[in-house]
Amino acid sequence: MIALRAVLCLALLALCAVALYPVADHWLAAREAHELISRARRGASPNARPGRAPALALLTDLRQPSALHCWGNIGGCGAGGGSSSGATGAKWVGRGVSGGYVDVQLLVTQAYSHDNYFTTFNTRLGTGVLNKWSFGLNVPILYKVGQVDVLGQSRTAHIAGFGDLSAEVTRKLGITNSSQLTLIASAPAGAHDAVREGIVLPQHLQLGSGVLGVTGQFEHTVDRDWGLMIFGGTAGYNGWENSIGDGRSPSATAYGHVGYIRGPLVPAAGLTLFGKFLHDRERGEDRPDDMDPLFMIVPSLSLEWSIDWLALLLYTSSSFSYNGFESVAVTLGFSTSLF
């Protein structure tokens, strides 16, 4: 418990430090403007930079504008439109890549939750139409390892295969495409009634839901000279019960991310609030609250690097509920644009 609290405190301190950067940036900008006006009034060249203390010089150097890649998408011009691996999954915040007809994205996620291990390889193929519309197809491959009860004995179950496929359509809004509305529909391609160790696997170890699902998402990007901020939310429904009595509750998220443009690097921090209206159902019964909380908070940190035709992502997040620690996940992302 002490280690958990320490990790949570460190995560909150990191998020607070990142969130306070815009305040320091605003103060530095105002101070520089005041110095330039003062020097101009004294007859000195406004281009001459006065001496600064080392710490102030370091912060000021971070504010200097950096060159943009010719294929780079910044903020409302496209970066905020990166897809996520699920409602609380990895999020592209900084530059995207473009210049081709087909955008290719691969997210590899390793997650741990309640003695279960989940590995996901999610491939997304997307294309844009007339600068306002875009379409995408997500194809996940999953590998899950978890403990199951077999006649009173704990056994380790392994399962791998395709998850549920999903297709998405996005409409960008506004003159600068700073907002976007996305509709995502999922099809039950993954197994929902797989058997291992002689029993039907519990819901969280199945590869798919066994039913259709739909999710709506709205997102808005705010551009600043130091980077960008992204705010959005989702609402999803796939609450129909499948053939073995499993069902997922309707859910919603609200999230915010802030990223700082530092040349080819974009460090970012985010916070997601996840909630659902009911407990998921397993074999016709509600799942227990200690294994299926109705509310979670998910802080995240990420680092993106990009050149003209390639973007890479390192993303990590943890989720906490009123029951305590729920999960931790690390994602590696790859994005490029072809043809």
C-alpha atoms as a PDB file:
ATOM      1  CA  MET A   1       0.000   0.000   0.000  1.00  0.00           C
ATOM      2  CA  ILE A   2       2.876   2.392   0.824  1.00  0.00           C
ATOM      3  CA  ALA A   3       4.497   1.692  -2.567  1.00  0.00           C
ATOM      4  CA  LEU A   4       1.168   2.290  -4.317  1.00  0.00           C
ATOM      5  CA  ARG A   5       0.715   5.637  -2.581  1.00  0.00           C
ATOM      6  CA  ALA A   6       4.274   6.635  -3.468  1.00  0.00           C
ATOM      7  CA  VAL A   7       3.713   5.836  -7.157  1.00  0.00           C
ATOM      8  CA  LEU A   8       0.420   7.746  -7.148  1.00  0.00           C
ATOM      9  CA  CYS A   9       2.037  10.769  -5.460  1.00  0.00           C
ATOM     10  CA  LEU A  10       4.897  10.793  -7.977  1.00  0.00           C
ATOM     11  CA  ALA A  11       2.445  10.583 -10.880  1.00  0.00           C
ATOM     12  CA  LEU A  12       0.401  13.473  -9.495  1.00  0.00           C
ATOM     13  CA  LEU A  13       3.532  15.574  -8.907  1.00  0.00           C
ATOM     14  CA  ALA A  14       4.687  14.921 -12.490  1.00  0.00           C
ATOM     15  CA  LEU A  15       1.296  15.928 -13.852  1.00  0.00           C
ATOM     16  CA  CYS A  16       1.272  19.095 -11.717  1.00  0.00           C
ATOM     17  CA  ALA A  17       4.756  20.032 -12.914  1.00  0.00           C
ATOM     18  CA  VAL A  18       3.747  19.564 -16.545  1.00  0.00           C
ATOM     19  CA  ALA A  19       0.501  21.493 -16.026  1.00  0.00           C
ATOM     20  CA  LEU A  20       2.381  24.457 -14.489  1.00  0.00           C
ATOM     21  CA  TYR A  21       4.728  24.776 -17.471  1.00  0.00           C
ATOM     22  CA  PRO A  22       2.285  27.026 -19.439  1.00  0.00           C
ATOM     23  CA  VAL A  23       2.202  29.423 -16.458  1.00  0.00           C
ATOM     24  CA  ALA A  24       6.006  29.698 -16.478  1.00  0.00           C
ATOM     25  CA  ASP A  25       5.954  30.038 -20.257  1.00  0.00           C
ATOM     26  CA  HIS A  26       3.439  32.901 -20.075  1.00  0.00           C
ATOM     27  CA  TRP A  27       5.541  34.660 -17.438  1.00  0.00           C
ATOM     28  CA  LEU A  28       8.701  34.309 -19.557  1.00  0.00           C
ATOM     29  CA  ALA A  29       6.931  35.666 -22.641  1.00  0.00           C
ATOM     30  CA  ALA A  30       5.644  38.691 -20.709  1.00  0.00           C
ATOM     31  CA  ARG A  31       9.104  39.315 -19.212  1.00  0.00           C
ATOM     32  CA  GLU A  32      10.795  39.156 -22.633  1.00  0.00           C
ATOM     33  CA  ALA A  33       8.213  41.546 -24.117  1.00  0.00           C
ATOM     34  CA  HIS A  34       8.773  43.980 -21.241  1.00  0.00           C
ATOM     35  CA  GLU A  35      12.564  43.833 -21.723  1.00  0.00           C
ATOM     36  CA  LEU A  36      12.271  44.465 -25.479  1.00  0.00           C
ATOM     37  CA  ILE A  37      10.024  47.496 -24.898  1.00  0.00           C
ATOM     38  CA  SER A  38      12.409  48.855 -22.259  1.00  0.00           C
ATOM     39  CA  ARG A  39      15.434  48.466 -24.531  1.00  0.00           C
ATOM     40  CA  ALA A  40      13.602  50.097 -27.435  1.00  0.00           C
ATOM     41  CA  ARG A  41      12.753  53.089 -25.202  1.00  0.00           C
ATOM     42  CA  ARG A  42      16.428  53.360 -24.199  1.00  0.00           C
ATOM     43  CA  GLY A  43      17.451  53.319 -27.856  1.00  0.00           C
ATOM     44  CA  ALA A  44      19.091  49.888 -27.724  1.00  0.00           C
ATOM     45  CA  SER A  45      18.587  47.337 -30.473  1.00  0.00           C
ATOM     46  CA  PRO A  46      15.524  45.206 -29.699  1.00  0.00           C
ATOM     47  CA  ASN A  47      17.268  42.211 -31.280  1.00  0.00           C
ATOM     48  CA  ALA A  48      20.082  42.260 -28.713  1.00  0.00           C
ATOM     49  CA  ARG A  49      19.355  39.719 -26.018  1.00  0.00           C
ATOM     50  CA  PRO A  50      20.220  40.753 -22.451  1.00  0.00           C
ATOM     51  CA  GLY A  51      22.179  38.462 -20.167  1.00  0.00           C
ATOM     52  CA  ARG A  52      20.217  36.026 -18.042  1.00  0.00           C
ATOM     53  CA  ALA A  53      20.812  33.823 -15.095  1.00  0.00           C
ATOM     54  CA  PRO A  54      21.593  30.199 -16.143  1.00  0.00           C
ATOM     55  CA  ALA A  55      18.255  28.835 -14.884  1.00  0.00           C
ATOM     56  CA  LEU A  56      16.257  31.570 -16.639  1.00  0.00           C
ATOM     57  CA  ALA A  57      18.288  31.122 -19.809  1.00  0.00           C
ATOM     58  CA  LEU A  58      17.510  27.392 -19.818  1.00  0.00           C
ATOM     59  CA  LEU A  59      13.768  28.005 -19.521  1.00  0.00           C
ATOM     60  CA  THR A  60      13.888  30.725 -22.180  1.00  0.00           C
ATOM     61  CA  ASP A  61      15.796  28.501 -24.597  1.00  0.00           C
ATOM     62  CA  LEU A  62      13.006  25.930 -24.315  1.00  0.00           C
ATOM     63  CA  ARG A  63      10.582  28.553 -25.595  1.00  0.00           C
ATOM     64  CA  GLN A  64      12.413  29.152 -28.862  1.00  0.00           C
ATOM     65  CA  PRO A  65      10.380  28.102 -31.929  1.00  0.00           C
ATOM     66  CA  SER A  66      11.438  24.920 -33.654  1.00  0.00           C
ATOM     67  CA  ALA A  67      11.274  23.998 -37.310  1.00  0.00           C
ATOM     68  CA  LEU A  68       8.234  22.002 -38.356  1.00  0.00           C
ATOM     69  CA  HIS A  69       8.468  18.948 -40.563  1.00  0.00           C
ATOM     70  CA  CYS A  70       6.991  19.427 -44.020  1.00  0.00           C
ATOM     71  CA  TRP A  71       4.594  16.504 -43.440  1.00  0.00           C
ATOM     72  CA  GLY A  72       4.024  17.306 -39.792  1.00  0.00           C
ATOM     73  CA  ASN A  73       0.526  17.955 -38.485  1.00  0.00           C
ATOM     74  CA  ILE A  74       0.380  20.250 -35.487  1.00  0.00           C
ATOM     75  CA  GLY A  75      -2.519  20.659 -33.113  1.00  0.00           C
ATOM     76  CA  GLY A  76      -5.811  21.514 -34.783  1.00  0.00           C
ATOM     77  CA  CYS A  77      -4.310  20.844 -38.192  1.00  0.00           C
ATOM     78  CA  GLY A  78      -4.333  17.140 -37.509  1.00  0.00           C
ATOM     79  CA  ALA A  79      -2.260  16.014 -34.567  1.00  0.00           C
ATOM     80  CA  GLY A  80      -5.218  15.842 -32.211  1.00  0.00           C
ATOM     81  CA  GLY A  81      -6.872  13.382 -34.523  1.00  0.00           C
ATOM     82  CA  GLY A  82      -4.616  10.471 -33.709  1.00  0.00           C
ATOM     83  CA  SER A  83      -6.523   7.364 -32.759  1.00  0.00           C
ATOM     84  CA  SER A  84      -6.442   5.686 -29.386  1.00  0.00           C
ATOM     85  CA  SER A  85      -6.251   2.043 -28.434  1.00  0.00           C
ATOM     86  CA  GLY A  86      -9.589   2.079 -26.663  1.00  0.00           C
ATOM     87  CA  ALA A  87     -11.400   4.639 -24.544  1.00  0.00           C
ATOM     88  CA  THR A  88      -8.582   4.877 -22.011  1.00  0.00           C
ATOM     89  CA  GLY A  89      -5.806   3.595 -24.270  1.00  0.00           C
ATOM     90  CA  ALA A  90      -2.680   5.206 -25.731  1.00  0.00           C
ATOM     91  CA  LYS A  91      -3.189   8.606 -27.309  1.00  0.00           C
ATOM     92  CA  TRP A  92      -1.150  10.331 -30.009  1.00  0.00           C
ATOM     93  CA  VAL A  93      -0.866  13.963 -28.920  1.00  0.00           C
ATOM     94  CA  GLY A  94       1.887  15.584 -30.967  1.00  0.00           C
ATOM     95  CA  ARG A  95       2.695  15.438 -34.651  1.00  0.00           C
ATOM     96  CA  GLY A  96       1.033  13.016 -36.989  1.00  0.00           C
ATOM     97  CA  VAL A  97       2.454  11.988 -40.351  1.00  0.00           C
ATOM     98  CA  SER A  98       0.741  12.581 -43.670  1.00  0.00           C
ATOM     99  CA  GLY A  99       1.603  12.976 -47.329  1.00  0.00           C
ATOM    100  CA  GLY A 100       0.350   9.579 -48.503  1.00  0.00           C
ATOM    101  CA  TYR A 101      -3.025   8.090 -49.293  1.00  0.00           C
ATOM    102  CA  VAL A 102      -2.854   5.472 -46.518  1.00  0.00           C
ATOM    103  CA  ASP A 103      -1.875   6.184 -42.907  1.00  0.00           C
ATOM    104  CA  VAL A 104      -0.507   3.139 -41.070  1.00  0.00           C
ATOM    105  CA  GLN A 105      -0.357   2.955 -37.285  1.00  0.00           C
ATOM    106  CA  LEU A 106       0.765   0.133 -34.988  1.00  0.00           C
ATOM    107  CA  LEU A 107       0.316   0.228 -31.212  1.00  0.00           C
ATOM    108  CA  VAL A 108       1.877  -2.525 -29.101  1.00  0.00           C
ATOM    109  CA  THR A 109       0.559  -2.498 -25.530  1.00  0.00           C
ATOM    110  CA  GLN A 110       1.566  -4.592 -22.526  1.00  0.00           C
ATOM    111  CA  ALA A 111      -0.840  -4.283 -19.584  1.00  0.00           C
ATOM    112  CA  TYR A 112      -1.036  -5.823 -16.115  1.00  0.00           C
ATOM    113  CA  SER A 113      -4.195  -5.974 -14.000  1.00  0.00           C
ATOM    114  CA  HIS A 114      -5.089  -8.183 -11.018  1.00  0.00           C
ATOM    115  CA  ASP A 115      -2.556 -10.936 -11.870  1.00  0.00           C
ATOM    116  CA  ASN A 116      -3.601 -10.920 -15.534  1.00  0.00           C
ATOM    117  CA  TYR A 117      -1.331  -9.963 -18.434  1.00  0.00           C
ATOM    118  CA  PHE A 118      -2.660  -8.563 -21.698  1.00  0.00           C
ATOM    119  CA  THR A 119      -0.644  -7.960 -24.857  1.00  0.00           C
ATOM    120  CA  THR A 120      -2.259  -6.114 -27.761  1.00  0.00           C
ATOM    121  CA  PHE A 121      -1.020  -5.514 -31.302  1.00  0.00           C
ATOM    122  CA  ASN A 122      -3.430  -2.999 -32.816  1.00  0.00           C
ATOM    123  CA  THR A 123      -2.984  -2.101 -36.493  1.00  0.00           C
ATOM    124  CA  ARG A 124      -4.891   0.858 -37.885  1.00  0.00           C
ATOM    125  CA  LEU A 125      -5.230   1.720 -41.560  1.00  0.00           C
ATOM    126  CA  GLY A 126      -6.686   5.139 -42.346  1.00  0.00           C
ATOM    127  CA  THR A 127      -7.233   7.557 -45.198  1.00  0.00           C
ATOM    128  CA  GLY A 128      -8.486  11.131 -45.505  1.00  0.00           C
ATOM    129  CA  VAL A 129     -10.966  12.637 -47.960  1.00  0.00           C
ATOM    130  CA  LEU A 130     -11.203  16.356 -48.897  1.00  0.00           C
ATOM    131  CA  ASN A 131      -9.386  17.492 -45.711  1.00  0.00           C
ATOM    132  CA  LYS A 132     -12.572  17.112 -43.642  1.00  0.00           C
ATOM    133  CA  TRP A 133     -13.385  13.415 -43.627  1.00  0.00           C
ATOM    134  CA  SER A 134     -11.247  10.441 -42.648  1.00  0.00           C
ATOM    135  CA  PHE A 135     -11.897   6.729 -42.384  1.00  0.00           C
ATOM    136  CA  GLY A 136     -10.073   4.047 -40.454  1.00  0.00           C
ATOM    137  CA  LEU A 137     -10.035   0.307 -39.789  1.00  0.00           C
ATOM    138  CA  ASN A 138      -8.619  -1.186 -36.577  1.00  0.00           C
ATOM    139  CA  VAL A 139      -7.444  -4.810 -36.498  1.00  0.00           C
ATOM    140  CA  PRO A 140      -6.308  -5.986 -33.019  1.00  0.00           C
ATOM    141  CA  ILE A 141      -4.401  -9.170 -32.221  1.00  0.00           C
ATOM    142  CA  LEU A 142      -4.523 -10.136 -28.544  1.00  0.00           C
ATOM    143  CA  TYR A 143      -2.597 -12.411 -26.215  1.00  0.00           C
ATOM    144  CA  LYS A 144      -3.974 -12.880 -22.690  1.00  0.00           C
ATOM    145  CA  VAL A 145      -2.647 -14.757 -19.684  1.00  0.00           C
ATOM    146  CA  GLY A 146      -4.613 -15.120 -16.459  1.00  0.00           C
ATOM    147  CA  GLN A 147      -5.549 -17.365 -13.573  1.00  0.00           C
ATOM    148  CA  VAL A 148      -8.730 -19.475 -13.708  1.00  0.00           C
ATOM    149  CA  ASP A 149     -10.320 -21.711 -11.113  1.00  0.00           C
ATOM    150  CA  VAL A 150     -10.563 -25.372 -12.154  1.00  0.00           C
ATOM    151  CA  LEU A 151     -12.300 -27.574  -9.578  1.00  0.00           C
ATOM    152  CA  GLY A 152     -10.937 -25.449  -6.747  1.00  0.00           C
ATOM    153  CA  GLN A 153      -7.404 -25.259  -8.133  1.00  0.00           C
ATOM    154  CA  SER A 154      -5.814 -22.181  -9.726  1.00  0.00           C
ATOM    155  CA  ARG A 155      -4.562 -22.786 -13.260  1.00  0.00           C
ATOM    156  CA  THR A 156      -2.879 -20.461 -15.765  1.00  0.00           C
ATOM    157  CA  ALA A 157      -4.805 -19.979 -19.007  1.00  0.00           C
ATOM    158  CA  HIS A 158      -3.338 -18.632 -22.246  1.00  0.00           C
ATOM    159  CA  ILE A 159      -5.314 -17.422 -25.257  1.00  0.00           C
ATOM    160  CA  ALA A 160      -4.310 -15.600 -28.452  1.00  0.00           C
ATOM    161  CA  GLY A 161      -6.104 -14.472 -31.585  1.00  0.00           C
ATOM    162  CA  PHE A 162      -7.956 -11.630 -33.263  1.00  0.00           C
ATOM    163  CA  GLY A 163     -10.035  -9.242 -31.183  1.00  0.00           C
ATOM    164  CA  ASP A 164     -13.135  -7.388 -32.298  1.00  0.00           C
ATOM    165  CA  LEU A 165     -12.646  -5.386 -35.503  1.00  0.00           C
ATOM    166  CA  SER A 166     -13.710  -1.741 -35.575  1.00  0.00           C
ATOM    167  CA  ALA A 167     -14.298   0.839 -38.305  1.00  0.00           C
ATOM    168  CA  GLU A 168     -14.349   4.587 -37.732  1.00  0.00           C
ATOM    169  CA  VAL A 169     -15.423   7.696 -39.606  1.00  0.00           C
ATOM    170  CA  THR A 170     -14.286  11.184 -38.543  1.00  0.00           C
ATOM    171  CA  ARG A 171     -15.591  14.606 -39.519  1.00  0.00           C
ATOM    172  CA  LYS A 172     -13.298  17.546 -38.766  1.00  0.00           C
ATOM    173  CA  LEU A 173     -14.996  20.776 -37.766  1.00  0.00           C
ATOM    174  CA  GLY A 174     -14.023  24.442 -37.910  1.00  0.00           C
ATOM    175  CA  ILE A 175     -11.877  26.501 -40.259  1.00  0.00           C
ATOM    176  CA  THR A 176      -8.651  25.093 -38.790  1.00  0.00           C
ATOM    177  CA  ASN A 177     -10.050  21.584 -38.147  1.00  0.00           C
ATOM    178  CA  SER A 178      -9.578  22.191 -34.426  1.00  0.00           C
ATOM    179  CA  SER A 179     -12.556  19.978 -33.505  1.00  0.00           C
ATOM    180  CA  GLN A 180     -13.592  16.572 -34.702  1.00  0.00           C
ATOM    181  CA  LEU A 181     -16.450  14.148 -34.287  1.00  0.00           C
ATOM    182  CA  THR A 182     -15.820  10.411 -34.634  1.00  0.00           C
ATOM    183  CA  LEU A 183     -18.169   7.430 -34.822  1.00  0.00           C
ATOM    184  CA  ILE A 184     -16.660   3.979 -34.169  1.00  0.00           C
ATOM    185  CA  ALA A 185     -18.511   0.714 -34.815  1.00  0.00           C
ATOM    186  CA  SER A 186     -17.131  -2.652 -33.667  1.00  0.00           C
ATOM    187  CA  ALA A 187     -17.916  -6.108 -35.039  1.00  0.00           C
ATOM    188  CA  PRO A 188     -17.680  -9.318 -32.946  1.00  0.00           C
ATOM    189  CA  ALA A 189     -14.674 -10.924 -34.658  1.00  0.00           C
ATOM    190  CA  GLY A 190     -12.956 -12.143 -31.486  1.00  0.00           C
ATOM    191  CA  ALA A 191     -13.920 -15.324 -29.653  1.00  0.00           C
ATOM    192  CA  HIS A 192     -16.277 -14.665 -26.724  1.00  0.00           C
ATOM    193  CA  ASP A 193     -16.840 -18.269 -25.560  1.00  0.00           C
ATOM    194  CA  ALA A 194     -13.325 -19.744 -25.672  1.00  0.00           C
ATOM    195  CA  VAL A 195     -12.566 -22.734 -23.438  1.00  0.00           C
ATOM    196  CA  ARG A 196      -9.249 -23.329 -21.673  1.00  0.00           C
ATOM    197  CA  GLU A 197      -8.335 -25.830 -18.948  1.00  0.00           C
ATOM    198  CA  GLY A 198     -11.762 -27.439 -19.419  1.00  0.00           C
ATOM    199  CA  ILE A 199     -13.813 -24.315 -18.523  1.00  0.00           C
ATOM    200  CA  VAL A 200     -15.263 -21.341 -20.387  1.00  0.00           C
ATOM    201  CA  LEU A 201     -12.902 -18.441 -19.752  1.00  0.00           C
ATOM    202  CA  PRO A 202     -14.112 -15.476 -17.673  1.00  0.00           C
ATOM    203  CA  GLN A 203     -15.143 -12.355 -19.517  1.00  0.00           C
ATOM    204  CA  HIS A 204     -11.891 -10.417 -19.043  1.00  0.00           C
ATOM    205  CA  LEU A 205      -9.871 -13.230 -20.641  1.00  0.00           C
ATOM    206  CA  GLN A 206     -12.063 -13.580 -23.725  1.00  0.00           C
ATOM    207  CA  LEU A 207     -10.806 -12.060 -26.987  1.00  0.00           C
ATOM    208  CA  GLY A 208     -14.080 -10.429 -28.018  1.00  0.00           C
ATOM    209  CA  SER A 209     -17.462  -9.277 -26.769  1.00  0.00           C
ATOM    210  CA  GLY A 210     -19.663 -11.411 -29.006  1.00  0.00           C
ATOM    211  CA  VAL A 211     -21.941  -8.432 -29.822  1.00  0.00           C
ATOM    212  CA  LEU A 212     -21.919  -5.268 -31.903  1.00  0.00           C
ATOM    213  CA  GLY A 213     -20.730  -2.042 -30.298  1.00  0.00           C
ATOM    214  CA  VAL A 214     -20.795   1.673 -31.074  1.00  0.00           C
ATOM    215  CA  THR A 215     -18.788   4.598 -29.639  1.00  0.00           C
ATOM    216  CA  GLY A 216     -19.079   8.329 -30.249  1.00  0.00           C
ATOM    217  CA  GLN A 217     -16.166  10.690 -29.618  1.00  0.00           C
ATOM    218  CA  PHE A 218     -15.779  14.473 -29.631  1.00  0.00           C
ATOM    219  CA  GLU A 219     -12.395  16.160 -29.425  1.00  0.00           C
ATOM    220  CA  HIS A 220     -11.124  19.740 -29.480  1.00  0.00           C
ATOM    221  CA  THR A 221      -7.519  20.925 -29.872  1.00  0.00           C
ATOM    222  CA  VAL A 222      -6.174  24.239 -28.552  1.00  0.00           C
ATOM    223  CA  ASP A 223      -2.906  25.425 -30.158  1.00  0.00           C
ATOM    224  CA  ARG A 224      -0.334  27.458 -28.237  1.00  0.00           C
ATOM    225  CA  ASP A 225       3.129  28.710 -29.163  1.00  0.00           C
ATOM    226  CA  TRP A 226       4.649  26.148 -26.755  1.00  0.00           C
ATOM    227  CA  GLY A 227       2.514  23.196 -27.892  1.00  0.00           C
ATOM    228  CA  LEU A 228      -1.090  22.106 -27.715  1.00  0.00           C
ATOM    229  CA  MET A 229      -3.896  20.974 -25.444  1.00  0.00           C
ATOM    230  CA  ILE A 230      -6.489  18.334 -26.323  1.00  0.00           C
ATOM    231  CA  PHE A 231      -9.845  17.939 -24.599  1.00  0.00           C
ATOM    232  CA  GLY A 232     -12.474  15.349 -25.432  1.00  0.00           C
ATOM    233  CA  GLY A 233     -14.877  12.691 -24.364  1.00  0.00           C
ATOM    234  CA  THR A 234     -16.434   9.415 -25.496  1.00  0.00           C
ATOM    235  CA  ALA A 235     -19.684   7.568 -24.956  1.00  0.00           C
ATOM    236  CA  GLY A 236     -19.938   3.882 -25.837  1.00  0.00           C
ATOM    237  CA  TYR A 237     -22.549   1.162 -25.867  1.00  0.00           C
ATOM    238  CA  ASN A 238     -22.138  -2.575 -26.396  1.00  0.00           C
ATOM    239  CA  GLY A 239     -24.415  -3.669 -23.606  1.00  0.00           C
ATOM    240  CA  TRP A 240     -26.245  -6.457 -25.325  1.00  0.00           C
ATOM    241  CA  GLU A 241     -25.728  -9.847 -23.694  1.00  0.00           C
ATOM    242  CA  ASN A 242     -23.962 -12.408 -25.829  1.00  0.00           C
ATOM    243  CA  SER A 243     -24.816 -16.070 -26.184  1.00  0.00           C
ATOM    244  CA  ILE A 244     -23.211 -17.105 -22.854  1.00  0.00           C
ATOM    245  CA  GLY A 245     -24.743 -14.311 -20.744  1.00  0.00           C
ATOM    246  CA  ASP A 246     -21.808 -11.877 -20.752  1.00  0.00           C
ATOM    247  CA  GLY A 247     -22.440  -8.177 -21.286  1.00  0.00           C
ATOM    248  CA  ARG A 248     -20.619  -4.878 -20.883  1.00  0.00           C
ATOM    249  CA  SER A 249     -22.148  -1.765 -19.391  1.00  0.00           C
ATOM    250  CA  PRO A 250     -22.478   1.489 -21.347  1.00  0.00           C
ATOM    251  CA  SER A 251     -19.515   3.719 -20.483  1.00  0.00           C
ATOM    252  CA  ALA A 252     -18.194   7.255 -20.906  1.00  0.00           C
ATOM    253  CA  THR A 253     -14.860   9.035 -20.607  1.00  0.00           C
ATOM    254  CA  ALA A 254     -13.635  12.623 -20.323  1.00  0.00           C
ATOM    255  CA  TYR A 255      -9.983  13.386 -20.963  1.00  0.00           C
ATOM    256  CA  GLY A 256      -7.418  16.121 -21.362  1.00  0.00           C
ATOM    257  CA  HIS A 257      -3.843  16.032 -22.670  1.00  0.00           C
ATOM    258  CA  VAL A 258      -1.139  18.689 -22.902  1.00  0.00           C
ATOM    259  CA  GLY A 259       1.921  18.364 -25.148  1.00  0.00           C
ATOM    260  CA  TYR A 260       4.989  20.551 -25.623  1.00  0.00           C
ATOM    261  CA  ILE A 261       6.684  20.942 -29.017  1.00  0.00           C
ATOM    262  CA  ARG A 262      10.435  20.613 -28.507  1.00  0.00           C
ATOM    263  CA  GLY A 263      11.857  20.177 -32.003  1.00  0.00           C
ATOM    264  CA  PRO A 264      11.247  16.568 -33.094  1.00  0.00           C
ATOM    265  CA  LEU A 265      10.183  15.620 -29.534  1.00  0.00           C
ATOM    266  CA  VAL A 266       6.752  16.085 -27.982  1.00  0.00           C
ATOM    267  CA  PRO A 267       6.537  15.179 -24.266  1.00  0.00           C
ATOM    268  CA  ALA A 268       2.939  15.056 -23.039  1.00  0.00           C
ATOM    269  CA  ALA A 269       0.823  14.338 -19.977  1.00  0.00           C
ATOM    270  CA  GLY A 270      -2.834  13.407 -19.748  1.00  0.00           C
ATOM    271  CA  LEU A 271      -5.650  12.605 -17.392  1.00  0.00           C
ATOM    272  CA  THR A 272      -8.704  10.466 -18.217  1.00  0.00           C
ATOM    273  CA  LEU A 273     -11.843   9.952 -16.153  1.00  0.00           C
ATOM    274  CA  PHE A 274     -13.655   6.697 -16.915  1.00  0.00           C
ATOM    275  CA  GLY A 275     -17.096   5.746 -15.684  1.00  0.00           C
ATOM    276  CA  LYS A 276     -19.926   3.344 -16.437  1.00  0.00           C
ATOM    277  CA  PHE A 277     -23.527   3.175 -15.364  1.00  0.00           C
ATOM    278  CA  LEU A 278     -23.775  -0.491 -14.342  1.00  0.00           C
ATOM    279  CA  HIS A 279     -21.512  -3.403 -13.554  1.00  0.00           C
ATOM    280  CA  ASP A 280     -20.607  -5.701 -16.412  1.00  0.00           C
ATOM    281  CA  ARG A 281     -22.488  -8.985 -16.443  1.00  0.00           C
ATOM    282  CA  GLU A 282     -20.839 -12.398 -16.516  1.00  0.00           C
ATOM    283  CA  ARG A 283     -22.888 -15.558 -17.066  1.00  0.00           C
ATOM    284  CA  GLY A 284     -26.032 -13.505 -16.410  1.00  0.00           C
ATOM    285  CA  GLU A 285     -24.805 -12.097 -13.069  1.00  0.00           C
ATOM    286  CA  ASP A 286     -23.285  -8.718 -12.180  1.00  0.00           C
ATOM    287  CA  ARG A 287     -19.525  -8.813 -11.699  1.00  0.00           C
ATOM    288  CA  PRO A 288     -18.385  -7.984  -8.128  1.00  0.00           C
ATOM    289  CA  ASP A 289     -17.546  -4.359  -7.394  1.00  0.00           C
ATOM    290  CA  ASP A 290     -14.001  -5.144  -6.236  1.00  0.00           C
ATOM    291  CA  MET A 291     -13.224  -6.591  -9.685  1.00  0.00           C
ATOM    292  CA  ASP A 292     -15.368  -4.216 -11.735  1.00  0.00           C
ATOM    293  CA  PRO A 293     -15.298  -0.613 -10.377  1.00  0.00           C
ATOM    294  CA  LEU A 294     -17.761   1.882 -11.802  1.00  0.00           C
ATOM    295  CA  PHE A 295     -15.250   4.760 -11.859  1.00  0.00           C
ATOM    296  CA  MET A 296     -11.532   5.068 -12.584  1.00  0.00           C
ATOM    297  CA  ILE A 297      -8.969   7.836 -12.942  1.00  0.00           C
ATOM    298  CA  VAL A 298      -6.157   7.255 -15.446  1.00  0.00           C
ATOM    299  CA  PRO A 299      -3.055   9.535 -15.420  1.00  0.00           C
ATOM    300  CA  SER A 300      -0.620   9.137 -18.308  1.00  0.00           C
ATOM    301  CA  LEU A 301       2.766  10.325 -19.561  1.00  0.00           C
ATOM    302  CA  SER A 302       4.122  10.003 -23.097  1.00  0.00           C
ATOM    303  CA  LEU A 303       6.981  10.973 -25.381  1.00  0.00           C
ATOM    304  CA  GLU A 304       6.716  11.253 -29.172  1.00  0.00           C
ATOM    305  CA  TRP A 305       9.468  11.630 -31.743  1.00  0.00           C
ATOM    306  CA  SER A 306       8.887  12.325 -35.413  1.00  0.00           C
ATOM    307  CA  ILE A 307      10.554  13.062 -38.728  1.00  0.00           C
ATOM    308  CA  ASP A 308       8.880  13.782 -42.059  1.00  0.00           C
ATOM    309  CA  TRP A 309       7.590  10.262 -42.717  1.00  0.00           C
ATOM    310  CA  LEU A 310       7.774   8.479 -39.357  1.00  0.00           C
ATOM    311  CA  ALA A 311       6.462   9.049 -35.822  1.00  0.00           C
ATOM    312  CA  LEU A 312       7.255   6.970 -32.737  1.00  0.00           C
ATOM    313  CA  LEU A 313       5.445   6.936 -29.394  1.00  0.00           C
ATOM    314  CA  LEU A 314       6.279   5.762 -25.869  1.00  0.00           C
ATOM    315  CA  TYR A 315       3.193   5.916 -23.636  1.00  0.00           C
ATOM    316  CA  THR A 316       2.570   4.752 -20.103  1.00  0.00           C
ATOM    317  CA  SER A 317      -0.547   4.938 -17.936  1.00  0.00           C
ATOM    318  CA  SER A 318      -1.942   3.628 -14.658  1.00  0.00           C
ATOM    319  CA  SER A 319      -5.547   3.355 -13.546  1.00  0.00           C
ATOM    320  CA  PHE A 320      -6.908   3.814 -10.034  1.00  0.00           C
ATOM    321  CA  SER A 321     -10.398   3.379  -8.607  1.00  0.00           C
ATOM    322  CA  TYR A 322     -11.986   3.653  -5.176  1.00  0.00           C
ATOM    323  CA  ASN A 323     -10.694   0.094  -4.681  1.00  0.00           C
ATOM    324  CA  GLY A 324      -7.094   1.235  -5.185  1.00  0.00           C
ATOM    325  CA  PHE A 325      -4.663   0.320  -7.960  1.00  0.00           C
ATOM    326  CA  GLU A 326      -6.309  -1.331 -10.975  1.00  0.00           C
ATOM    327  CA  SER A 327      -3.806  -1.617 -13.823  1.00  0.00           C
ATOM    328  CA  VAL A 328      -0.652  -0.347 -15.482  1.00  0.00           C
ATOM    329  CA  ALA A 329       0.123  -0.304 -19.205  1.00  0.00           C
ATOM    330  CA  VAL A 330       3.049   0.566 -21.474  1.00  0.00           C
ATOM    331  CA  THR A 331       2.590   1.210 -25.195  1.00  0.00           C
ATOM    332  CA  LEU A 332       5.015   1.532 -28.089  1.00  0.00           C
ATOM    333  CA  GLY A 333       3.587   3.209 -31.185  1.00  0.00           C
ATOM    334  CA  PHE A 334       4.647   3.485 -34.822  1.00  0.00           C
ATOM    335  CA  SER A 335       2.991   5.671 -37.458  1.00  0.00           C
ATOM    336  CA  THR A 336       3.762   6.402 -41.105  1.00  0.00           C
ATOM    337  CA  SER A 337       2.013   7.430 -44.328  1.00  0.00           C
ATOM    338  CA  LEU A 338       2.317   5.461 -47.550  1.00  0.00           C
ATOM    339  CA  PHE A 339       1.904   5.978 -51.296  1.00  0.00           C
END
